[in-house]
Amino acid sequence: MSRVSRTATLAWVKQGYTDGTRRLASRWIGGLARTRVTPNALTAAGVTLCAAAAVLVWFGDHNQWLVYWLAAIVFVVGSILDILDGALARFGDNATPFGAFLDSISDRVSEGFVLTAVALVFSRHGNEVALTFAVAAIAGSFLVSYARAKAELLGLRGDVGIGSRAERVVVITAGLVFAPWGGLQWAIYFLAVTAWLTVLQRILHVRSELHSGGIDGFEKR
């Protein structure tokens, strides 16, 4: 399969997953909007559940089947709430700049909790290679979001690449599900590589867009 074909296939999978998630969210939003649940409440609940999932990961060695699978379920539910909070705000026309800012921060915090717990587990097991990749995955996932924010600040599209938030949630969840068979470290390897690849994709995309628009100047910090 050529590079173009692989890129097209990944883009198709990503678009299908994104569209499916949006359709699922739209089915739930109507019901939520009729309740007194607020977007900020969903944000707080999502962060809390992801923090709980991180605690479960730390105790995963006590009963891998039960604890890791429970951590996967709790993490998925928390991540879904992180998706629904923004959708609920837009549905009820309650979206605010601060709400969007808080939503973005909560996503990073939620993911950071779980990845940090995974890194600590690797450290406890003396798996230095997996620990290194876990740290790289944390840094890469944060940079993916930072690259998007900076691109959109320039008025450009910043959501290109294969390793956005939704895809990272899927990879982490899969790693937790297959943790009893040693799959967690392989999920982290994949996550780290795709995160940094996405950072590179977004850098090249912004560079291309700026050059095509005749803007060659770059701000140095």
N, C-alpha and C. Protein backbone atom coordinates (compact mmCIF):
# COMPACT_ATOMS: atom_id res chain seq x y z
N MET A 1 0.85 -1.20 0.00
CA MET A 1 0.00 0.00 0.00
C MET A 1 0.88 1.24 0.00
N SER A 2 0.60 2.15 -0.91
CA SER A 2 1.40 3.36 -1.02
C SER A 2 1.16 4.29 0.15
N ARG A 3 2.06 5.28 0.27
CA ARG A 3 1.94 6.24 1.35
C ARG A 3 0.64 7.03 1.23
N VAL A 4 0.27 7.40 0.00
CA VAL A 4 -0.96 8.15 -0.22
C VAL A 4 -2.17 7.32 0.19
N SER A 5 -2.15 6.02 -0.17
CA SER A 5 -3.26 5.13 0.18
C SER A 5 -3.38 4.97 1.68
N ARG A 6 -2.24 4.82 2.37
CA ARG A 6 -2.27 4.68 3.83
C ARG A 6 -2.83 5.93 4.47
N THR A 7 -2.40 7.10 3.97
CA THR A 7 -2.89 8.35 4.52
C THR A 7 -4.39 8.49 4.31
N ALA A 8 -4.85 8.11 3.11
CA ALA A 8 -6.28 8.19 2.81
C ALA A 8 -7.08 7.24 3.69
N THR A 9 -6.54 6.06 3.92
CA THR A 9 -7.24 5.08 4.77
C THR A 9 -7.34 5.58 6.20
N LEU A 10 -6.24 6.12 6.74
CA LEU A 10 -6.25 6.65 8.09
C LEU A 10 -7.23 7.82 8.22
N ALA A 11 -7.24 8.66 7.20
CA ALA A 11 -8.17 9.79 7.21
C ALA A 11 -9.62 9.30 7.19
N TRP A 12 -9.90 8.24 6.42
CA TRP A 12 -11.24 7.69 6.34
C TRP A 12 -11.67 7.09 7.68
N VAL A 13 -10.77 6.35 8.32
CA VAL A 13 -11.07 5.76 9.63
C VAL A 13 -11.32 6.86 10.66
N LYS A 14 -10.46 7.87 10.64
CA LYS A 14 -10.58 8.98 11.59
C LYS A 14 -11.91 9.71 11.40
N GLN A 15 -12.26 9.98 10.13
CA GLN A 15 -13.50 10.70 9.86
C GLN A 15 -14.71 9.87 10.27
N GLY A 16 -14.66 8.57 9.99
CA GLY A 16 -15.76 7.70 10.38
C GLY A 16 -15.94 7.64 11.88
N TYR A 17 -14.83 7.56 12.59
CA TYR A 17 -14.90 7.52 14.05
C TYR A 17 -15.45 8.84 14.60
N THR A 18 -14.96 9.96 14.05
CA THR A 18 -15.41 11.27 14.52
C THR A 18 -16.90 11.47 14.26
N ASP A 19 -17.34 11.12 13.04
CA ASP A 19 -18.76 11.27 12.70
C ASP A 19 -19.63 10.38 13.58
N GLY A 20 -19.17 9.17 13.83
CA GLY A 20 -19.93 8.26 14.69
C GLY A 20 -20.06 8.79 16.10
N THR A 21 -18.96 9.34 16.62
CA THR A 21 -18.99 9.91 17.97
C THR A 21 -19.96 11.08 18.04
N ARG A 22 -19.94 11.92 17.02
CA ARG A 22 -20.84 13.08 17.00
C ARG A 22 -22.30 12.65 16.93
N ARG A 23 -22.60 11.61 16.13
CA ARG A 23 -23.97 11.13 16.05
C ARG A 23 -24.44 10.56 17.38
N LEU A 24 -23.55 9.82 18.05
CA LEU A 24 -23.89 9.27 19.36
C LEU A 24 -24.14 10.38 20.37
N ALA A 25 -23.29 11.40 20.34
CA ALA A 25 -23.45 12.52 21.27
C ALA A 25 -24.75 13.26 21.01
N SER A 26 -25.11 13.43 19.72
CA SER A 26 -26.32 14.18 19.40
C SER A 26 -27.57 13.47 19.91
N ARG A 27 -27.53 12.15 20.03
CA ARG A 27 -28.68 11.40 20.53
C ARG A 27 -28.88 11.63 22.03
N TRP A 28 -27.79 11.86 22.74
CA TRP A 28 -27.87 12.02 24.19
C TRP A 28 -28.10 13.46 24.61
N ILE A 29 -27.68 14.41 23.78
CA ILE A 29 -27.71 15.80 24.18
C ILE A 29 -29.13 16.29 24.43
N GLY A 30 -30.07 15.86 23.58
CA GLY A 30 -31.45 16.31 23.76
C GLY A 30 -31.98 15.96 25.13
N GLY A 31 -31.71 14.73 25.57
CA GLY A 31 -32.17 14.32 26.90
C GLY A 31 -31.47 15.08 28.00
N LEU A 32 -30.17 15.28 27.86
CA LEU A 32 -29.43 16.02 28.88
C LEU A 32 -29.89 17.47 28.98
N ALA A 33 -30.22 18.04 27.82
CA ALA A 33 -30.64 19.45 27.80
C ALA A 33 -31.94 19.66 28.56
N ARG A 34 -32.74 18.60 28.69
CA ARG A 34 -34.01 18.73 29.41
C ARG A 34 -33.83 18.57 30.91
N THR A 35 -32.64 18.27 31.35
CA THR A 35 -32.34 18.15 32.78
C THR A 35 -31.65 19.42 33.27
N ARG A 36 -31.31 19.42 34.54
CA ARG A 36 -30.61 20.57 35.11
C ARG A 36 -29.09 20.41 35.07
N VAL A 37 -28.63 19.40 34.36
CA VAL A 37 -27.19 19.17 34.25
C VAL A 37 -26.58 20.28 33.42
N THR A 38 -25.50 20.86 33.90
CA THR A 38 -24.82 21.95 33.20
C THR A 38 -23.55 21.42 32.53
N PRO A 39 -23.07 22.11 31.50
CA PRO A 39 -21.81 21.69 30.87
C PRO A 39 -20.64 21.63 31.85
N ASN A 40 -20.57 22.59 32.78
CA ASN A 40 -19.48 22.58 33.76
C ASN A 40 -19.57 21.38 34.69
N ALA A 41 -20.82 20.95 34.98
CA ALA A 41 -21.00 19.76 35.82
C ALA A 41 -20.48 18.52 35.11
N LEU A 42 -20.74 18.44 33.81
CA LEU A 42 -20.22 17.32 33.03
C LEU A 42 -18.70 17.34 32.99
N THR A 43 -18.13 18.54 32.84
CA THR A 43 -16.68 18.68 32.83
C THR A 43 -16.08 18.18 34.14
N ALA A 44 -16.66 18.62 35.25
CA ALA A 44 -16.16 18.21 36.58
C ALA A 44 -16.30 16.71 36.77
N ALA A 45 -17.44 16.15 36.33
CA ALA A 45 -17.65 14.71 36.47
C ALA A 45 -16.66 13.93 35.62
N GLY A 46 -16.38 14.42 34.41
CA GLY A 46 -15.43 13.74 33.54
C GLY A 46 -14.04 13.71 34.13
N VAL A 47 -13.58 14.84 34.66
CA VAL A 47 -12.25 14.90 35.27
C VAL A 47 -12.18 13.99 36.48
N THR A 48 -13.24 13.99 37.29
CA THR A 48 -13.27 13.15 38.49
C THR A 48 -13.19 11.67 38.15
N LEU A 49 -13.93 11.26 37.12
CA LEU A 49 -13.91 9.85 36.72
C LEU A 49 -12.55 9.45 36.16
N CYS A 50 -11.93 10.33 35.39
CA CYS A 50 -10.61 10.02 34.85
C CYS A 50 -9.57 9.95 35.97
N ALA A 51 -9.72 10.79 37.00
CA ALA A 51 -8.84 10.71 38.16
C ALA A 51 -9.05 9.38 38.89
N ALA A 52 -10.31 8.95 38.99
CA ALA A 52 -10.61 7.66 39.61
C ALA A 52 -10.00 6.52 38.80
N ALA A 53 -10.06 6.64 37.47
CA ALA A 53 -9.45 5.62 36.62
C ALA A 53 -7.94 5.54 36.84
N ALA A 54 -7.31 6.70 37.04
CA ALA A 54 -5.87 6.73 37.31
C ALA A 54 -5.54 6.01 38.61
N VAL A 55 -6.36 6.21 39.63
CA VAL A 55 -6.16 5.51 40.91
C VAL A 55 -6.29 4.01 40.72
N LEU A 56 -7.29 3.60 39.94
CA LEU A 56 -7.48 2.17 39.68
C LEU A 56 -6.28 1.57 38.96
N VAL A 57 -5.73 2.31 38.00
CA VAL A 57 -4.55 1.83 37.27
C VAL A 57 -3.40 1.57 38.24
N TRP A 58 -3.21 2.47 39.21
CA TRP A 58 -2.14 2.30 40.18
C TRP A 58 -2.28 1.00 40.98
N PHE A 59 -3.53 0.59 41.24
CA PHE A 59 -3.78 -0.64 42.01
C PHE A 59 -4.05 -1.83 41.10
N GLY A 60 -3.71 -1.70 39.83
CA GLY A 60 -4.02 -2.75 38.87
C GLY A 60 -3.35 -4.09 39.14
N ASP A 61 -2.21 -4.08 39.81
CA ASP A 61 -1.49 -5.33 40.05
C ASP A 61 -2.21 -6.25 41.03
N HIS A 62 -3.13 -5.71 41.81
CA HIS A 62 -3.83 -6.52 42.81
C HIS A 62 -4.79 -7.50 42.16
N ASN A 63 -5.44 -7.09 41.09
CA ASN A 63 -6.35 -7.97 40.37
C ASN A 63 -6.48 -7.41 38.95
N GLN A 64 -5.59 -7.82 38.08
CA GLN A 64 -5.48 -7.19 36.78
C GLN A 64 -6.76 -7.26 35.97
N TRP A 65 -7.42 -8.39 35.95
CA TRP A 65 -8.64 -8.53 35.17
C TRP A 65 -9.70 -7.54 35.63
N LEU A 66 -9.95 -7.51 36.92
CA LEU A 66 -11.01 -6.67 37.45
C LEU A 66 -10.64 -5.19 37.41
N VAL A 67 -9.46 -4.86 37.93
CA VAL A 67 -9.10 -3.46 38.13
C VAL A 67 -8.82 -2.75 36.81
N TYR A 68 -8.05 -3.38 35.92
CA TYR A 68 -7.74 -2.72 34.65
C TYR A 68 -8.99 -2.56 33.78
N TRP A 69 -9.83 -3.57 33.78
CA TRP A 69 -11.06 -3.45 32.98
C TRP A 69 -12.00 -2.40 33.57
N LEU A 70 -12.06 -2.35 34.89
CA LEU A 70 -12.88 -1.32 35.53
C LEU A 70 -12.30 0.06 35.24
N ALA A 71 -10.97 0.18 35.27
CA ALA A 71 -10.32 1.45 34.94
C ALA A 71 -10.64 1.87 33.51
N ALA A 72 -10.66 0.90 32.59
CA ALA A 72 -10.99 1.21 31.19
C ALA A 72 -12.41 1.75 31.07
N ILE A 73 -13.35 1.12 31.78
CA ILE A 73 -14.75 1.57 31.71
C ILE A 73 -14.90 2.96 32.30
N VAL A 74 -14.28 3.19 33.46
CA VAL A 74 -14.38 4.49 34.12
C VAL A 74 -13.74 5.58 33.26
N PHE A 75 -12.60 5.25 32.65
CA PHE A 75 -11.91 6.22 31.80
C PHE A 75 -12.75 6.57 30.57
N VAL A 76 -13.37 5.57 29.96
CA VAL A 76 -14.21 5.82 28.78
C VAL A 76 -15.40 6.70 29.14
N VAL A 77 -16.06 6.38 30.25
CA VAL A 77 -17.22 7.18 30.67
C VAL A 77 -16.80 8.62 30.94
N GLY A 78 -15.67 8.79 31.64
CA GLY A 78 -15.18 10.13 31.91
C GLY A 78 -14.84 10.89 30.64
N SER A 79 -14.26 10.19 29.67
CA SER A 79 -13.89 10.82 28.40
C SER A 79 -15.13 11.19 27.60
N ILE A 80 -16.16 10.34 27.65
CA ILE A 80 -17.41 10.65 26.95
C ILE A 80 -18.05 11.90 27.55
N LEU A 81 -18.00 12.04 28.86
CA LEU A 81 -18.54 13.24 29.50
C LEU A 81 -17.77 14.47 29.05
N ASP A 82 -16.46 14.30 28.82
CA ASP A 82 -15.65 15.41 28.32
C ASP A 82 -16.07 15.81 26.90
N ILE A 83 -16.61 14.85 26.15
CA ILE A 83 -17.10 15.15 24.81
C ILE A 83 -18.48 15.82 24.90
N LEU A 84 -19.31 15.31 25.80
CA LEU A 84 -20.68 15.81 25.89
C LEU A 84 -20.79 17.21 26.47
N ASP A 85 -19.80 17.63 27.29
CA ASP A 85 -19.94 18.95 27.91
C ASP A 85 -19.96 20.07 26.86
N GLY A 86 -19.04 19.98 25.91
CA GLY A 86 -19.02 20.99 24.86
C GLY A 86 -20.26 20.91 23.97
N ALA A 87 -20.69 19.68 23.67
CA ALA A 87 -21.88 19.50 22.83
C ALA A 87 -23.12 20.05 23.53
N LEU A 88 -23.21 19.84 24.84
CA LEU A 88 -24.36 20.34 25.61
C LEU A 88 -24.36 21.87 25.63
N ALA A 89 -23.19 22.46 25.77
CA ALA A 89 -23.10 23.92 25.79
C ALA A 89 -23.55 24.50 24.45
N ARG A 90 -23.12 23.86 23.35
CA ARG A 90 -23.52 24.36 22.03
C ARG A 90 -25.00 24.13 21.77
N PHE A 91 -25.53 23.00 22.21
CA PHE A 91 -26.94 22.67 21.99
C PHE A 91 -27.85 23.66 22.71
N GLY A 92 -27.49 24.01 23.94
CA GLY A 92 -28.30 24.94 24.71
C GLY A 92 -27.92 26.38 24.50
N ASP A 93 -27.06 26.64 23.53
CA ASP A 93 -26.59 28.00 23.24
C ASP A 93 -25.98 28.64 24.49
N ASN A 94 -25.28 27.81 25.28
CA ASN A 94 -24.63 28.30 26.49
C ASN A 94 -23.12 28.33 26.37
N ALA A 95 -22.62 28.17 25.16
CA ALA A 95 -21.17 28.13 24.97
C ALA A 95 -20.57 29.51 25.26
N THR A 96 -19.50 29.52 26.05
CA THR A 96 -18.79 30.74 26.39
C THR A 96 -17.30 30.54 26.16
N PRO A 97 -16.55 31.61 25.95
CA PRO A 97 -15.10 31.47 25.79
C PRO A 97 -14.45 30.79 26.99
N PHE A 98 -14.91 31.13 28.21
CA PHE A 98 -14.32 30.50 29.40
C PHE A 98 -14.66 29.02 29.45
N GLY A 99 -15.89 28.67 29.05
CA GLY A 99 -16.28 27.26 29.04
C GLY A 99 -15.42 26.45 28.09
N ALA A 100 -15.15 27.02 26.90
CA ALA A 100 -14.29 26.34 25.93
C ALA A 100 -12.88 26.19 26.48
N PHE A 101 -12.40 27.24 27.15
CA PHE A 101 -11.07 27.21 27.76
C PHE A 101 -11.00 26.12 28.84
N LEU A 102 -12.03 26.09 29.70
CA LEU A 102 -12.07 25.11 30.78
C LEU A 102 -12.16 23.70 30.23
N ASP A 103 -12.92 23.52 29.17
CA ASP A 103 -13.07 22.21 28.54
C ASP A 103 -11.73 21.72 28.01
N SER A 104 -10.98 22.62 27.37
CA SER A 104 -9.67 22.25 26.83
C SER A 104 -8.70 21.85 27.94
N ILE A 105 -8.71 22.62 29.03
CA ILE A 105 -7.83 22.31 30.16
C ILE A 105 -8.21 20.97 30.79
N SER A 106 -9.50 20.72 30.94
CA SER A 106 -9.96 19.48 31.58
C SER A 106 -9.56 18.26 30.77
N ASP A 107 -9.58 18.38 29.44
CA ASP A 107 -9.16 17.27 28.59
C ASP A 107 -7.71 16.90 28.86
N ARG A 108 -6.85 17.91 28.98
CA ARG A 108 -5.43 17.66 29.22
C ARG A 108 -5.23 17.04 30.61
N VAL A 109 -5.95 17.57 31.59
CA VAL A 109 -5.82 17.07 32.96
C VAL A 109 -6.27 15.61 33.04
N SER A 110 -7.41 15.31 32.43
CA SER A 110 -7.95 13.95 32.47
C SER A 110 -6.99 12.95 31.87
N GLU A 111 -6.48 13.27 30.70
CA GLU A 111 -5.54 12.37 30.02
C GLU A 111 -4.23 12.28 30.80
N GLY A 112 -3.79 13.40 31.35
CA GLY A 112 -2.55 13.42 32.11
C GLY A 112 -2.61 12.55 33.34
N PHE A 113 -3.77 12.54 34.02
CA PHE A 113 -3.93 11.68 35.20
C PHE A 113 -3.66 10.22 34.86
N VAL A 114 -4.32 9.73 33.83
CA VAL A 114 -4.22 8.31 33.49
C VAL A 114 -2.83 7.95 32.98
N LEU A 115 -2.27 8.77 32.11
CA LEU A 115 -0.94 8.48 31.58
C LEU A 115 0.13 8.54 32.66
N THR A 116 -0.03 9.44 33.62
CA THR A 116 0.92 9.51 34.74
C THR A 116 0.84 8.24 35.58
N ALA A 117 -0.38 7.77 35.83
CA ALA A 117 -0.54 6.53 36.59
C ALA A 117 0.09 5.36 35.86
N VAL A 118 -0.09 5.31 34.54
CA VAL A 118 0.53 4.25 33.74
C VAL A 118 2.05 4.32 33.83
N ALA A 119 2.59 5.53 33.75
CA ALA A 119 4.05 5.71 33.86
C ALA A 119 4.55 5.24 35.22
N LEU A 120 3.81 5.52 36.27
CA LEU A 120 4.22 5.09 37.61
C LEU A 120 4.19 3.57 37.74
N VAL A 121 3.23 2.93 37.09
CA VAL A 121 3.18 1.47 37.11
C VAL A 121 4.40 0.88 36.41
N PHE A 122 4.76 1.45 35.25
CA PHE A 122 5.96 0.98 34.55
C PHE A 122 7.20 1.18 35.42
N SER A 123 7.26 2.31 36.12
CA SER A 123 8.40 2.59 37.00
C SER A 123 8.47 1.57 38.12
N ARG A 124 7.34 1.22 38.68
CA ARG A 124 7.30 0.24 39.77
C ARG A 124 7.76 -1.14 39.30
N HIS A 125 7.48 -1.44 38.04
CA HIS A 125 7.88 -2.74 37.48
C HIS A 125 9.32 -2.72 36.96
N GLY A 126 9.96 -1.55 36.99
CA GLY A 126 11.32 -1.45 36.49
C GLY A 126 11.42 -1.51 34.99
N ASN A 127 10.32 -1.21 34.30
CA ASN A 127 10.30 -1.24 32.83
C ASN A 127 10.68 0.15 32.32
N GLU A 128 11.98 0.39 32.19
CA GLU A 128 12.46 1.72 31.85
C GLU A 128 12.10 2.13 30.42
N VAL A 129 12.07 1.16 29.51
CA VAL A 129 11.72 1.48 28.12
C VAL A 129 10.27 1.97 28.05
N ALA A 130 9.36 1.23 28.67
CA ALA A 130 7.95 1.63 28.66
C ALA A 130 7.76 2.95 29.40
N LEU A 131 8.50 3.14 30.47
CA LEU A 131 8.42 4.40 31.22
C LEU A 131 8.83 5.58 30.34
N THR A 132 9.90 5.40 29.58
CA THR A 132 10.37 6.46 28.68
C THR A 132 9.31 6.79 27.64
N PHE A 133 8.69 5.76 27.08
CA PHE A 133 7.64 5.99 26.08
C PHE A 133 6.41 6.63 26.72
N ALA A 134 6.12 6.29 27.97
CA ALA A 134 4.97 6.89 28.65
C ALA A 134 5.19 8.39 28.84
N VAL A 135 6.41 8.76 29.24
CA VAL A 135 6.73 10.18 29.38
C VAL A 135 6.65 10.88 28.02
N ALA A 136 7.14 10.20 26.98
CA ALA A 136 7.07 10.76 25.62
C ALA A 136 5.61 10.90 25.18
N ALA A 137 4.77 9.95 25.57
CA ALA A 137 3.35 10.01 25.21
C ALA A 137 2.67 11.18 25.90
N ILE A 138 3.01 11.43 27.16
CA ILE A 138 2.43 12.56 27.88
C ILE A 138 2.82 13.87 27.21
N ALA A 139 4.12 14.02 26.94
CA ALA A 139 4.59 15.25 26.29
C ALA A 139 3.99 15.40 24.90
N GLY A 140 3.94 14.31 24.15
CA GLY A 140 3.41 14.36 22.80
C GLY A 140 1.93 14.71 22.76
N SER A 141 1.14 14.13 23.67
CA SER A 141 -0.29 14.40 23.68
C SER A 141 -0.57 15.85 24.05
N PHE A 142 0.23 16.41 24.95
CA PHE A 142 0.07 17.81 25.30
C PHE A 142 0.46 18.72 24.12
N LEU A 143 1.53 18.34 23.41
CA LEU A 143 1.97 19.14 22.27
C LEU A 143 0.99 19.08 21.11
N VAL A 144 0.31 17.96 20.95
CA VAL A 144 -0.71 17.85 19.91
C VAL A 144 -1.78 18.92 20.11
N SER A 145 -2.24 19.05 21.34
CA SER A 145 -3.27 20.04 21.64
C SER A 145 -2.72 21.46 21.54
N TYR A 146 -1.48 21.64 21.98
CA TYR A 146 -0.86 22.96 21.90
C TYR A 146 -0.69 23.40 20.44
N ALA A 147 -0.28 22.45 19.60
CA ALA A 147 -0.10 22.76 18.18
C ALA A 147 -1.42 23.17 17.55
N ARG A 148 -2.50 22.50 17.92
CA ARG A 148 -3.82 22.88 17.39
C ARG A 148 -4.20 24.29 17.84
N ALA A 149 -4.00 24.56 19.13
CA ALA A 149 -4.36 25.88 19.66
C ALA A 149 -3.58 26.99 18.96
N LYS A 150 -2.29 26.78 18.75
CA LYS A 150 -1.46 27.80 18.09
C LYS A 150 -1.86 27.96 16.63
N ALA A 151 -2.20 26.85 15.96
CA ALA A 151 -2.61 26.94 14.56
C ALA A 151 -3.92 27.73 14.44
N GLU A 152 -4.87 27.43 15.33
CA GLU A 152 -6.14 28.14 15.27
C GLU A 152 -5.99 29.60 15.67
N LEU A 153 -4.99 29.89 16.50
CA LEU A 153 -4.72 31.29 16.85
C LEU A 153 -4.25 32.06 15.62
N LEU A 154 -3.61 31.35 14.69
CA LEU A 154 -3.16 31.96 13.45
C LEU A 154 -4.25 31.98 12.39
N GLY A 155 -5.43 31.47 12.76
CA GLY A 155 -6.54 31.43 11.81
C GLY A 155 -6.48 30.26 10.86
N LEU A 156 -5.74 29.20 11.24
CA LEU A 156 -5.58 28.03 10.39
C LEU A 156 -6.26 26.82 11.02
N ARG A 157 -6.50 25.83 10.21
CA ARG A 157 -7.06 24.58 10.72
C ARG A 157 -5.99 23.84 11.52
N GLY A 158 -6.33 23.42 12.74
CA GLY A 158 -5.33 22.79 13.58
C GLY A 158 -5.61 21.37 13.97
N ASP A 159 -6.67 20.76 13.42
CA ASP A 159 -7.05 19.41 13.84
C ASP A 159 -6.59 18.33 12.88
N VAL A 160 -5.57 18.61 12.07
CA VAL A 160 -5.06 17.59 11.15
C VAL A 160 -4.24 16.56 11.93
N GLY A 161 -3.99 15.42 11.29
CA GLY A 161 -3.17 14.40 11.93
C GLY A 161 -3.99 13.22 12.42
N ILE A 162 -3.30 12.15 12.76
CA ILE A 162 -3.97 10.89 13.09
C ILE A 162 -4.14 10.67 14.58
N GLY A 163 -3.53 11.50 15.42
CA GLY A 163 -3.53 11.23 16.86
C GLY A 163 -4.20 12.29 17.69
N SER A 164 -5.43 12.66 17.35
CA SER A 164 -6.15 13.66 18.13
C SER A 164 -6.69 13.04 19.41
N ARG A 165 -7.41 13.85 20.18
CA ARG A 165 -7.90 13.42 21.49
C ARG A 165 -8.72 12.13 21.43
N ALA A 166 -9.65 12.05 20.49
CA ALA A 166 -10.52 10.88 20.41
C ALA A 166 -9.72 9.60 20.16
N GLU A 167 -8.77 9.68 19.25
CA GLU A 167 -7.95 8.50 18.94
C GLU A 167 -7.10 8.10 20.14
N ARG A 168 -6.59 9.08 20.89
CA ARG A 168 -5.77 8.75 22.06
C ARG A 168 -6.61 8.06 23.13
N VAL A 169 -7.85 8.47 23.27
CA VAL A 169 -8.75 7.82 24.23
C VAL A 169 -8.93 6.35 23.86
N VAL A 170 -9.12 6.08 22.56
CA VAL A 170 -9.30 4.71 22.10
C VAL A 170 -8.06 3.86 22.38
N VAL A 171 -6.88 4.42 22.10
CA VAL A 171 -5.63 3.67 22.30
C VAL A 171 -5.40 3.38 23.79
N ILE A 172 -5.60 4.38 24.63
CA ILE A 172 -5.41 4.18 26.07
C ILE A 172 -6.38 3.14 26.61
N THR A 173 -7.64 3.24 26.17
CA THR A 173 -8.64 2.27 26.62
C THR A 173 -8.28 0.86 26.19
N ALA A 174 -7.85 0.71 24.93
CA ALA A 174 -7.44 -0.60 24.45
C ALA A 174 -6.27 -1.13 25.26
N GLY A 175 -5.33 -0.26 25.61
CA GLY A 175 -4.19 -0.68 26.42
C GLY A 175 -4.62 -1.19 27.78
N LEU A 176 -5.59 -0.53 28.39
CA LEU A 176 -6.09 -0.97 29.70
C LEU A 176 -6.83 -2.30 29.59
N VAL A 177 -7.61 -2.45 28.53
CA VAL A 177 -8.36 -3.70 28.34
C VAL A 177 -7.42 -4.88 28.18
N PHE A 178 -6.34 -4.68 27.43
CA PHE A 178 -5.39 -5.77 27.16
C PHE A 178 -4.21 -5.79 28.12
N ALA A 179 -4.28 -4.98 29.17
CA ALA A 179 -3.19 -4.94 30.16
C ALA A 179 -2.91 -6.30 30.81
N PRO A 180 -3.93 -7.12 31.12
CA PRO A 180 -3.63 -8.43 31.71
C PRO A 180 -2.77 -9.33 30.84
N TRP A 181 -2.74 -9.06 29.54
CA TRP A 181 -1.90 -9.84 28.61
C TRP A 181 -0.63 -9.09 28.23
N GLY A 182 -0.32 -8.01 28.94
CA GLY A 182 0.88 -7.24 28.64
C GLY A 182 0.71 -6.24 27.52
N GLY A 183 -0.56 -5.92 27.18
CA GLY A 183 -0.80 -5.03 26.05
C GLY A 183 -0.67 -3.56 26.36
N LEU A 184 -0.60 -3.20 27.65
CA LEU A 184 -0.57 -1.79 28.01
C LEU A 184 0.68 -1.10 27.47
N GLN A 185 1.82 -1.74 27.62
CA GLN A 185 3.04 -1.09 27.15
C GLN A 185 3.05 -0.90 25.65
N TRP A 186 2.46 -1.84 24.91
CA TRP A 186 2.42 -1.71 23.46
C TRP A 186 1.48 -0.58 23.03
N ALA A 187 0.42 -0.41 23.77
CA ALA A 187 -0.48 0.72 23.50
C ALA A 187 0.23 2.05 23.73
N ILE A 188 1.05 2.11 24.77
CA ILE A 188 1.79 3.33 25.07
C ILE A 188 2.85 3.58 24.01
N TYR A 189 3.49 2.52 23.52
CA TYR A 189 4.46 2.69 22.43
C TYR A 189 3.76 3.33 21.22
N PHE A 190 2.61 2.76 20.87
CA PHE A 190 1.86 3.25 19.72
C PHE A 190 1.38 4.69 19.95
N LEU A 191 0.93 4.96 21.16
CA LEU A 191 0.43 6.30 21.49
C LEU A 191 1.52 7.34 21.37
N ALA A 192 2.70 7.03 21.90
CA ALA A 192 3.81 7.98 21.84
C ALA A 192 4.21 8.28 20.40
N VAL A 193 4.32 7.23 19.59
CA VAL A 193 4.73 7.42 18.19
C VAL A 193 3.69 8.23 17.43
N THR A 194 2.42 7.88 17.57
CA THR A 194 1.38 8.60 16.82
C THR A 194 1.22 10.04 17.31
N ALA A 195 1.42 10.27 18.62
CA ALA A 195 1.31 11.63 19.14
C ALA A 195 2.38 12.53 18.52
N TRP A 196 3.61 12.05 18.52
CA TRP A 196 4.69 12.87 17.97
C TRP A 196 4.58 12.99 16.45
N LEU A 197 4.07 11.94 15.80
CA LEU A 197 3.83 12.03 14.37
C LEU A 197 2.77 13.09 14.07
N THR A 198 1.75 13.16 14.93
CA THR A 198 0.70 14.16 14.75
C THR A 198 1.24 15.57 14.95
N VAL A 199 2.13 15.72 15.94
CA VAL A 199 2.76 17.03 16.13
C VAL A 199 3.50 17.44 14.87
N LEU A 200 4.26 16.51 14.29
CA LEU A 200 4.99 16.80 13.06
C LEU A 200 4.03 17.13 11.92
N GLN A 201 2.94 16.37 11.81
CA GLN A 201 1.95 16.63 10.76
C GLN A 201 1.38 18.04 10.89
N ARG A 202 1.10 18.46 12.10
CA ARG A 202 0.51 19.78 12.30
C ARG A 202 1.53 20.89 12.05
N ILE A 203 2.77 20.65 12.40
CA ILE A 203 3.81 21.64 12.11
C ILE A 203 3.95 21.81 10.60
N LEU A 204 4.03 20.71 9.88
CA LEU A 204 4.17 20.78 8.42
C LEU A 204 2.94 21.40 7.77
N HIS A 205 1.76 21.09 8.32
CA HIS A 205 0.54 21.67 7.77
C HIS A 205 0.52 23.18 7.94
N VAL A 206 0.87 23.65 9.14
CA VAL A 206 0.88 25.09 9.39
C VAL A 206 1.93 25.76 8.51
N ARG A 207 3.09 25.15 8.39
CA ARG A 207 4.15 25.71 7.55
C ARG A 207 3.68 25.83 6.10
N SER A 208 3.02 24.78 5.62
CA SER A 208 2.52 24.79 4.25
C SER A 208 1.46 25.86 4.05
N GLU A 209 0.55 25.98 5.02
CA GLU A 209 -0.52 26.97 4.90
C GLU A 209 0.03 28.40 4.95
N LEU A 210 1.00 28.63 5.80
CA LEU A 210 1.58 29.97 5.90
C LEU A 210 2.34 30.33 4.63
N HIS A 211 3.07 29.38 4.09
CA HIS A 211 3.82 29.64 2.86
C HIS A 211 2.89 29.85 1.67
N SER A 212 1.84 29.06 1.61
CA SER A 212 0.90 29.20 0.49
C SER A 212 0.14 30.51 0.57
N GLY A 213 0.02 31.03 1.81
CA GLY A 213 -0.65 32.31 1.98
C GLY A 213 0.29 33.49 1.89
N GLY A 214 1.54 33.22 1.62
CA GLY A 214 2.52 34.29 1.47
C GLY A 214 3.00 34.86 2.79
N ILE A 215 2.86 34.10 3.88
CA ILE A 215 3.32 34.57 5.19
C ILE A 215 4.54 33.77 5.58
N ASP A 216 5.68 34.39 5.61
CA ASP A 216 6.93 33.69 5.88
C ASP A 216 7.52 34.02 7.24
N GLY A 217 6.94 34.97 7.92
CA GLY A 217 7.50 35.38 9.21
C GLY A 217 7.04 34.48 10.33
N PHE A 218 7.91 34.21 11.26
CA PHE A 218 7.58 33.36 12.40
C PHE A 218 8.01 34.09 13.69
N GLU A 219 7.14 34.00 14.67
CA GLU A 219 7.44 34.62 15.96
C GLU A 219 8.30 33.65 16.78
N LYS A 220 9.37 34.14 17.34
CA LYS A 220 10.24 33.32 18.16
C LYS A 220 9.97 33.59 19.63
N ARG A 221 9.91 32.50 20.38
CA ARG A 221 9.67 32.64 21.83
C ARG A 221 10.80 31.95 22.58
